[in-house]
N, C-alpha and C. Protein backbone atom coordinates (compact mmCIF):
# COMPACT_ATOMS: atom_id res chain seq x y z
N THR A 1 31.76 -148.76 115.33
CA THR A 1 32.37 -150.02 114.98
C THR A 1 31.57 -151.02 116.37
N GLN A 2 32.06 -151.72 116.36
CA GLN A 2 31.44 -153.16 117.37
C GLN A 2 32.32 -153.09 118.78
N ASP A 3 33.18 -152.18 118.70
CA ASP A 3 33.96 -152.01 120.13
C ASP A 3 33.77 -150.52 120.66
N GLY A 4 33.02 -149.78 119.89
CA GLY A 4 32.18 -148.65 120.45
C GLY A 4 33.21 -147.10 120.19
N ARG A 5 34.11 -147.55 119.04
CA ARG A 5 35.03 -146.10 118.64
C ARG A 5 34.29 -145.71 117.62
N THR A 6 34.41 -144.16 117.03
CA THR A 6 33.87 -143.56 116.10
C THR A 6 35.24 -143.38 115.00
N LEU A 7 35.08 -143.81 114.10
CA LEU A 7 36.01 -143.63 112.71
C LEU A 7 35.38 -142.93 111.93
N THR A 8 36.18 -141.70 111.47
CA THR A 8 35.94 -140.44 110.46
C THR A 8 36.62 -141.09 109.40
N GLY A 9 36.23 -141.01 107.94
CA GLY A 9 36.62 -141.06 106.85
C GLY A 9 36.31 -139.87 105.64
N ALA A 10 37.07 -140.30 104.67
CA ALA A 10 36.68 -139.00 103.51
C ALA A 10 35.19 -139.21 103.12
N ALA A 11 34.67 -138.38 102.87
CA ALA A 11 32.78 -138.00 102.71
C ALA A 11 32.67 -138.63 101.33
N GLY A 12 31.79 -139.74 101.03
CA GLY A 12 31.38 -140.21 99.75
C GLY A 12 30.78 -139.92 99.11
N THR A 13 30.87 -139.83 97.67
CA THR A 13 30.18 -139.38 96.71
C THR A 13 29.25 -140.11 95.62
N THR A 14 27.93 -139.86 95.31
CA THR A 14 27.53 -140.60 94.17
C THR A 14 26.72 -139.82 93.14
N SER A 15 26.74 -140.32 92.08
CA SER A 15 25.78 -139.62 90.95
C SER A 15 25.26 -140.19 90.49
N LEU A 16 23.69 -139.86 89.89
CA LEU A 16 22.60 -140.48 88.96
C LEU A 16 22.54 -139.71 87.96
N THR A 17 22.26 -140.23 86.53
CA THR A 17 21.59 -139.67 85.48
C THR A 17 20.36 -139.75 85.26
N VAL A 18 19.57 -138.90 85.31
CA VAL A 18 18.35 -139.28 85.03
C VAL A 18 17.88 -138.57 83.48
N PRO A 19 17.30 -139.67 82.80
CA PRO A 19 17.26 -139.61 81.68
C PRO A 19 16.07 -138.40 81.33
N ALA A 20 16.05 -137.52 80.64
CA ALA A 20 15.34 -136.33 80.28
C ALA A 20 13.63 -137.16 79.51
N THR A 21 12.77 -136.36 80.16
CA THR A 21 11.48 -137.19 79.94
C THR A 21 10.76 -135.99 78.68
N THR A 22 10.77 -137.04 77.31
CA THR A 22 10.50 -135.88 76.07
C THR A 22 9.50 -136.55 75.63
N ILE A 23 9.02 -135.90 74.50
CA ILE A 23 8.13 -136.36 73.63
C ILE A 23 8.28 -135.84 72.29
N SER A 24 8.35 -136.24 71.02
CA SER A 24 8.60 -136.09 69.88
C SER A 24 7.76 -136.34 68.90
N ILE A 25 7.16 -135.20 68.08
CA ILE A 25 6.17 -135.59 67.03
C ILE A 25 7.05 -135.31 65.85
N SER A 26 6.03 -135.89 64.58
CA SER A 26 6.14 -135.71 63.38
C SER A 26 5.26 -136.38 62.34
N GLU A 27 5.45 -135.83 61.20
CA GLU A 27 4.16 -135.84 60.13
C GLU A 27 4.30 -137.11 59.88
N GLY A 28 3.39 -138.41 59.63
CA GLY A 28 3.72 -139.73 59.47
C GLY A 28 3.43 -140.05 58.20
N GLN A 29 2.87 -140.98 57.86
CA GLN A 29 2.12 -141.53 56.43
C GLN A 29 0.49 -140.99 56.23
N ALA A 30 0.30 -140.69 55.01
CA ALA A 30 -0.74 -140.46 54.94
C ALA A 30 -1.79 -141.51 55.18
N THR A 31 -3.02 -141.45 55.72
CA THR A 31 -3.91 -142.27 55.88
C THR A 31 -5.24 -141.76 55.99
N THR A 32 -6.25 -142.43 56.06
CA THR A 32 -7.99 -142.04 56.55
C THR A 32 -8.36 -142.62 57.65
N SER A 33 -9.32 -141.92 58.34
CA SER A 33 -10.15 -142.61 59.45
C SER A 33 -11.51 -141.96 59.16
N SER A 34 -12.27 -142.26 60.43
CA SER A 34 -13.65 -142.00 60.31
C SER A 34 -13.98 -140.40 60.69
N ASN A 35 -12.64 -139.90 60.83
CA ASN A 35 -12.69 -138.67 61.75
C ASN A 35 -11.63 -137.65 60.96
N CYS A 36 -11.05 -138.25 59.63
CA CYS A 36 -9.75 -137.49 59.10
C CYS A 36 -9.87 -137.94 57.80
N ALA A 37 -10.01 -136.54 56.77
CA ALA A 37 -10.18 -136.93 55.56
C ALA A 37 -8.97 -137.05 54.81
N ALA A 38 -8.76 -137.44 53.44
CA ALA A 38 -8.24 -137.65 52.53
C ALA A 38 -8.59 -136.52 51.89
N PRO A 39 -7.29 -135.80 51.04
CA PRO A 39 -6.19 -136.37 51.10
C PRO A 39 -5.13 -135.33 51.84
N LYS A 40 -5.91 -134.90 52.89
CA LYS A 40 -4.81 -133.82 54.26
C LYS A 40 -4.69 -134.91 55.23
N CYS A 41 -4.89 -136.16 55.47
CA CYS A 41 -5.14 -136.65 56.27
C CYS A 41 -3.49 -137.58 56.51
N ALA A 42 -2.80 -137.55 58.18
CA ALA A 42 -1.58 -138.25 58.18
C ALA A 42 -1.32 -138.99 59.21
N ASP A 43 -0.86 -139.70 59.78
CA ASP A 43 -0.85 -140.17 61.02
C ASP A 43 0.29 -139.12 62.09
N VAL A 44 0.14 -138.92 63.43
CA VAL A 44 1.24 -138.16 63.93
C VAL A 44 2.24 -139.14 64.65
N ASP A 45 3.11 -139.01 64.08
CA ASP A 45 4.06 -140.08 64.79
C ASP A 45 4.95 -139.41 66.07
N THR A 46 4.43 -140.03 67.23
CA THR A 46 4.94 -139.94 68.56
C THR A 46 5.89 -140.59 69.32
N THR A 47 6.90 -140.40 69.87
CA THR A 47 8.29 -140.87 70.79
C THR A 47 8.00 -140.33 71.43
N MET A 48 7.92 -141.17 72.89
CA MET A 48 8.13 -141.10 74.00
C MET A 48 9.42 -141.79 74.46
N THR A 49 10.27 -140.94 75.58
CA THR A 49 11.35 -141.13 76.17
C THR A 49 11.51 -140.72 77.61
N GLY A 50 12.05 -141.37 79.03
CA GLY A 50 12.24 -141.00 80.04
C GLY A 50 11.05 -140.87 80.60
N PHE A 51 9.89 -141.97 80.53
CA PHE A 51 8.77 -142.02 81.34
C PHE A 51 9.12 -143.54 82.28
N ALA A 52 8.21 -143.19 83.32
CA ALA A 52 8.18 -144.39 84.36
C ALA A 52 7.84 -145.72 83.50
N PRO A 53 8.67 -146.99 83.83
CA PRO A 53 8.63 -147.93 83.02
C PRO A 53 7.07 -148.68 83.18
N ASN A 54 6.82 -149.34 81.86
CA ASN A 54 5.71 -150.55 82.17
C ASN A 54 3.95 -149.66 82.41
N THR A 55 4.03 -148.51 82.45
CA THR A 55 3.10 -147.34 82.61
C THR A 55 1.92 -146.65 81.96
N THR A 56 0.98 -146.93 81.96
CA THR A 56 -0.27 -146.34 80.73
C THR A 56 -0.20 -144.72 81.10
N TYR A 57 0.06 -143.96 79.85
CA TYR A 57 -0.22 -142.60 80.42
C TYR A 57 -1.36 -142.34 78.97
N THR A 58 -1.94 -140.82 79.25
CA THR A 58 -3.01 -140.31 78.54
C THR A 58 -1.96 -139.50 77.62
N LEU A 59 -2.29 -139.48 76.33
CA LEU A 59 -1.61 -138.95 75.36
C LEU A 59 -2.49 -137.90 74.59
N THR A 60 -2.28 -136.64 74.61
CA THR A 60 -3.53 -135.63 73.94
C THR A 60 -2.62 -134.80 72.70
N LEU A 61 -3.60 -135.28 71.89
CA LEU A 61 -3.29 -134.11 70.56
C LEU A 61 -3.89 -132.81 70.95
N SER A 62 -3.24 -132.01 70.63
CA SER A 62 -3.88 -130.66 70.66
C SER A 62 -3.28 -129.63 69.17
N SER A 63 -3.89 -128.74 69.00
CA SER A 63 -4.17 -127.72 67.74
C SER A 63 -4.25 -126.72 68.19
N SER A 64 -3.44 -125.67 67.48
CA SER A 64 -3.71 -123.89 67.80
C SER A 64 -5.33 -123.81 67.84
N SER A 65 -6.03 -124.54 66.95
CA SER A 65 -7.50 -124.06 67.17
C SER A 65 -8.40 -125.27 68.11
N ASN A 66 -7.87 -126.15 68.72
CA ASN A 66 -8.48 -127.05 69.55
C ASN A 66 -7.50 -128.13 70.65
N PRO A 67 -7.56 -127.64 71.72
CA PRO A 67 -6.53 -127.71 72.68
C PRO A 67 -7.05 -129.52 72.74
N ASP A 68 -8.01 -129.86 72.65
CA ASP A 68 -8.53 -131.16 72.73
C ASP A 68 -8.62 -132.24 71.64
N VAL A 69 -8.07 -132.13 70.69
CA VAL A 69 -8.08 -132.90 69.36
C VAL A 69 -8.47 -134.38 69.60
N ALA A 70 -7.76 -134.95 70.44
CA ALA A 70 -7.87 -136.66 70.60
C ALA A 70 -7.21 -136.93 71.93
N HIS A 71 -7.82 -138.23 72.52
CA HIS A 71 -6.98 -138.37 74.00
C HIS A 71 -6.97 -139.94 73.32
N GLU A 72 -5.71 -140.48 73.73
CA GLU A 72 -5.50 -142.04 73.35
C GLU A 72 -4.33 -142.21 74.48
N PHE A 73 -4.48 -143.32 74.99
CA PHE A 73 -3.60 -144.31 75.84
C PHE A 73 -1.99 -144.67 75.35
N PHE A 74 -1.29 -144.41 76.08
CA PHE A 74 -0.19 -145.81 75.62
C PHE A 74 0.61 -146.23 77.09
N THR A 75 1.32 -147.06 76.70
CA THR A 75 1.89 -147.77 77.94
C THR A 75 3.41 -147.86 77.50
N SER A 76 4.22 -147.37 78.14
CA SER A 76 5.84 -147.45 78.17
C SER A 76 6.03 -148.73 78.58
N ASP A 77 7.41 -148.60 78.04
CA ASP A 77 7.87 -150.08 77.68
C ASP A 77 9.12 -150.29 79.01
N SER A 78 9.73 -151.37 79.51
CA SER A 78 10.16 -151.63 80.54
C SER A 78 11.79 -150.36 80.60
N SER A 79 11.91 -149.72 79.48
CA SER A 79 12.77 -148.60 79.92
C SER A 79 12.51 -147.37 79.98
N GLY A 80 10.61 -147.39 79.88
CA GLY A 80 10.16 -145.98 80.11
C GLY A 80 9.77 -145.42 79.03
N ASN A 81 9.84 -146.04 77.50
CA ASN A 81 9.97 -145.64 76.12
C ASN A 81 8.51 -146.19 75.39
N GLY A 82 8.65 -145.42 74.35
CA GLY A 82 7.67 -145.70 73.83
C GLY A 82 6.98 -145.14 72.53
N THR A 83 6.27 -145.69 71.76
CA THR A 83 5.91 -144.89 70.32
C THR A 83 4.38 -145.06 70.28
N HIS A 84 4.08 -144.38 69.50
CA HIS A 84 2.42 -144.21 69.25
C HIS A 84 2.22 -143.34 68.02
N ASN A 85 1.44 -144.34 67.15
CA ASN A 85 1.04 -143.83 65.80
C ASN A 85 -0.13 -143.89 65.43
N ASP A 86 -1.09 -143.95 66.32
CA ASP A 86 -2.76 -144.22 65.94
C ASP A 86 -3.30 -143.38 65.99
N MET A 87 -2.86 -141.70 66.40
CA MET A 87 -3.62 -140.68 66.07
C MET A 87 -3.51 -140.09 64.72
N ASP A 88 -4.49 -139.11 64.06
CA ASP A 88 -4.22 -138.87 63.03
C ASP A 88 -4.78 -137.10 63.20
N TYR A 89 -4.38 -136.38 61.92
CA TYR A 89 -4.61 -135.24 61.72
C TYR A 89 -4.65 -134.67 60.00
N ASP A 90 -5.90 -133.64 59.98
CA ASP A 90 -5.94 -133.31 58.87
C ASP A 90 -6.23 -131.72 58.40
N VAL A 91 -5.51 -130.68 59.15
CA VAL A 91 -5.81 -129.36 58.60
C VAL A 91 -4.27 -128.75 58.57
N PRO A 92 -4.12 -128.50 57.50
CA PRO A 92 -2.72 -128.01 57.38
C PRO A 92 -2.74 -126.71 57.41
N GLY A 93 -1.58 -126.10 57.67
CA GLY A 93 -1.67 -124.56 58.51
C GLY A 93 -1.64 -124.78 60.01
N GLU A 94 -2.73 -126.02 60.80
CA GLU A 94 -2.44 -125.57 62.17
C GLU A 94 -1.11 -125.79 62.61
N THR A 95 -0.76 -125.67 64.16
CA THR A 95 0.27 -126.27 64.74
C THR A 95 -0.36 -127.27 65.30
N VAL A 96 0.50 -128.19 65.59
CA VAL A 96 0.02 -129.23 66.17
C VAL A 96 0.93 -129.60 67.30
N TRP A 97 0.67 -130.33 68.57
CA TRP A 97 1.37 -131.07 69.41
C TRP A 97 0.90 -131.79 70.57
N MET A 98 1.55 -132.47 71.24
CA MET A 98 1.35 -133.54 71.99
C MET A 98 1.39 -133.17 73.47
N SER A 99 1.03 -133.98 74.46
CA SER A 99 1.34 -133.69 75.70
C SER A 99 0.77 -135.09 76.48
N ILE A 100 1.73 -135.31 77.83
CA ILE A 100 1.21 -136.11 78.64
C ILE A 100 1.22 -135.87 80.39
N PRO A 101 0.46 -135.68 81.03
CA PRO A 101 0.64 -135.24 82.46
C PRO A 101 1.65 -136.57 82.81
N PHE A 102 2.58 -135.91 84.06
CA PHE A 102 3.99 -136.89 84.41
C PHE A 102 4.02 -136.12 85.45
N ASN A 103 3.93 -136.91 86.40
CA ASN A 103 4.62 -136.47 87.62
C ASN A 103 4.28 -134.84 88.15
N GLY A 104 2.96 -134.63 88.13
CA GLY A 104 2.67 -133.29 88.45
C GLY A 104 2.77 -131.83 87.57
N THR A 105 3.18 -132.33 86.77
CA THR A 105 3.41 -131.59 85.29
C THR A 105 2.99 -132.07 83.99
N THR A 106 2.97 -130.89 82.96
CA THR A 106 2.70 -131.55 81.78
C THR A 106 3.99 -131.56 80.73
N ILE A 107 3.99 -132.85 80.17
CA ILE A 107 5.32 -132.81 79.41
C ILE A 107 4.63 -132.57 77.89
N ILE A 108 5.42 -131.52 76.94
CA ILE A 108 4.61 -131.26 76.00
C ILE A 108 5.84 -131.23 74.77
N SER A 109 5.06 -131.84 73.77
CA SER A 109 6.27 -132.50 72.74
C SER A 109 6.40 -131.18 71.91
N ASN A 110 7.49 -131.29 70.86
CA ASN A 110 7.45 -130.13 70.27
C ASN A 110 6.56 -129.59 69.15
N LYS A 111 6.72 -128.48 68.89
CA LYS A 111 5.00 -128.08 68.03
C LYS A 111 5.31 -128.14 66.67
N LEU A 112 5.00 -128.41 65.50
CA LEU A 112 4.97 -128.39 64.14
C LEU A 112 3.84 -128.10 63.58
N VAL A 113 3.91 -127.20 62.46
CA VAL A 113 2.68 -126.74 61.48
C VAL A 113 2.60 -127.87 60.78
N TRP A 114 1.42 -128.32 60.51
CA TRP A 114 0.71 -129.12 60.15
C TRP A 114 0.66 -129.25 58.09
N ARG A 115 1.21 -129.92 57.54
CA ARG A 115 1.25 -129.77 56.21
C ARG A 115 0.01 -131.08 55.60
N ALA A 116 -0.13 -130.93 54.41
CA ALA A 116 -1.00 -131.93 53.64
C ALA A 116 0.25 -132.84 53.19
N PRO A 117 -0.06 -134.24 53.37
CA PRO A 117 0.94 -135.13 52.94
C PRO A 117 1.02 -135.08 51.08
């Protein structure tokens, strides 16, 4: 206190809920591109949650036969979330997933076996 006395009270506590950092993928709409052939090609719909707000990340698409299918960037929104639907894939039967380096580790999405659209 201002007069030099020490006052002791009950210990204080606080709690903080930190959202989980996740990536989720699903097979999207049929599409075509310069590197993805119809009729097997579809978007890889990707949803990210729990990342730092307004931050640009490198998103990597991998498959069971190629760990570096494609790399693209996405910027999280003001809540640290985002969606990305600009990558595509066209090899049915392959297992695919997305990953993002984050805070010294790598966040990996669910893995799914690709089907033909």
